[in-house]
C-alpha atoms as a PDB file:
ATOM      1  CA  MET A   1     137.356 116.209 245.550  1.00  0.00           C
ATOM      2  CA  PRO A   2     139.473 119.500 246.047  1.00  0.00           C
ATOM      3  CA  HIS A   3     143.219 119.090 246.566  1.00  0.00           C
ATOM      4  CA  VAL A   4     145.261 120.292 249.666  1.00  0.00           C
ATOM      5  CA  ILE A   5     148.741 121.272 250.272  1.00  0.00           C
ATOM      6  CA  ASP A   6     150.869 120.099 253.196  1.00  0.00           C
ATOM      7  CA  ALA A   7     152.221 123.292 254.688  1.00  0.00           C
ATOM      8  CA  GLU A   8     155.222 121.544 256.069  1.00  0.00           C
ATOM      9  CA  GLN A   9     156.123 120.103 252.603  1.00  0.00           C
ATOM     10  CA  CYS A  10     155.604 123.236 250.619  1.00  0.00           C
ATOM     11  CA  THR A  11     158.524 125.130 249.871  1.00  0.00           C
ATOM     12  CA  ALA A  12     156.090 128.325 248.573  1.00  0.00           C
ATOM     13  CA  CYS A  13     157.843 128.161 245.059  1.00  0.00           C
ATOM     14  CA  GLY A  14     154.557 129.381 243.439  1.00  0.00           C
ATOM     15  CA  ALA A  15     154.671 126.530 240.833  1.00  0.00           C
ATOM     16  CA  CYS A  16     151.193 125.251 241.533  1.00  0.00           C
ATOM     17  CA  ALA A  17     149.661 128.727 241.322  1.00  0.00           C
ATOM     18  CA  ALA A  18     151.309 129.632 238.169  1.00  0.00           C
ATOM     19  CA  VAL A  19     149.326 126.523 236.684  1.00  0.00           C
ATOM     20  CA  CYS A  20     145.920 126.782 238.301  1.00  0.00           C
ATOM     21  CA  PRO A  21     143.304 127.444 235.728  1.00  0.00           C
ATOM     22  CA  SER A  22     140.758 128.173 238.292  1.00  0.00           C
ATOM     23  CA  GLU A  23     142.936 130.395 240.269  1.00  0.00           C
ATOM     24  CA  ALA A  24     142.120 128.504 243.378  1.00  0.00           C
ATOM     25  CA  ILE A  25     145.616 128.739 244.920  1.00  0.00           C
ATOM     26  CA  ALA A  26     146.918 131.781 246.919  1.00  0.00           C
ATOM     27  CA  GLU A  27     150.029 132.381 248.932  1.00  0.00           C
ATOM     28  CA  GLY A  28     149.542 131.665 252.655  1.00  0.00           C
ATOM     29  CA  VAL A  29     151.785 132.728 255.690  1.00  0.00           C
ATOM     30  CA  ASP A  30     154.455 130.068 255.216  1.00  0.00           C
ATOM     31  CA  ALA A  31     152.948 127.797 252.376  1.00  0.00           C
ATOM     32  CA  TYR A  32     150.422 128.224 249.410  1.00  0.00           C
ATOM     33  CA  VAL A  33     146.797 127.203 250.058  1.00  0.00           C
ATOM     34  CA  ILE A  34     143.718 125.920 247.963  1.00  0.00           C
ATOM     35  CA  ASP A  35     140.334 127.440 248.294  1.00  0.00           C
ATOM     36  CA  PRO A  36     138.109 124.132 248.105  1.00  0.00           C
ATOM     37  CA  GLU A  37     135.169 126.078 246.700  1.00  0.00           C
ATOM     38  CA  GLN A  38     137.444 127.183 243.595  1.00  0.00           C
ATOM     39  CA  CYS A  39     139.416 123.903 243.143  1.00  0.00           C
ATOM     40  CA  ASN A  40     138.046 122.222 240.054  1.00  0.00           C
ATOM     41  CA  ASP A  41     140.071 118.886 240.810  1.00  0.00           C
ATOM     42  CA  CYS A  42     142.049 119.227 237.453  1.00  0.00           C
ATOM     43  CA  ASP A  43     145.387 117.862 239.068  1.00  0.00           C
ATOM     44  CA  ALA A  44     147.484 120.332 237.116  1.00  0.00           C
ATOM     45  CA  CYS A  45     149.004 121.683 240.546  1.00  0.00           C
ATOM     46  CA  THR A  46     149.717 118.060 241.699  1.00  0.00           C
ATOM     47  CA  VAL A  47     151.653 117.372 238.688  1.00  0.00           C
ATOM     48  CA  GLU A  48     153.660 120.647 238.812  1.00  0.00           C
ATOM     49  CA  CYS A  49     154.662 120.555 242.597  1.00  0.00           C
ATOM     50  CA  PRO A  50     158.173 119.568 242.582  1.00  0.00           C
ATOM     51  CA  VAL A  51     158.207 118.439 246.272  1.00  0.00           C
ATOM     52  CA  GLU A  52     154.946 116.390 245.953  1.00  0.00           C
ATOM     53  CA  ALA A  53     153.281 118.609 248.648  1.00  0.00           C
ATOM     54  CA  ILE A  54     149.841 118.320 246.905  1.00  0.00           C
ATOM     55  CA  SER A  55     147.241 115.771 247.249  1.00  0.00           C
ATOM     56  CA  ALA A  56     143.519 114.981 246.805  1.00  0.00           C
ATOM     57  CA  ALA A  57     141.626 115.593 250.202  1.00  0.00           C
END
């Protein structure tokens, strides 16, 4: 199941995008966003997020 980023918790630090092997994470207006079509559910972003803003959808 693709992951999602809680925009209210996201601090837009970019740590998640830096570790995403499928390049599914991009910078949005106020927070990063995950493209569900590209997400391979590897959990790398979830582990890396310092504010725990990412979870499985």
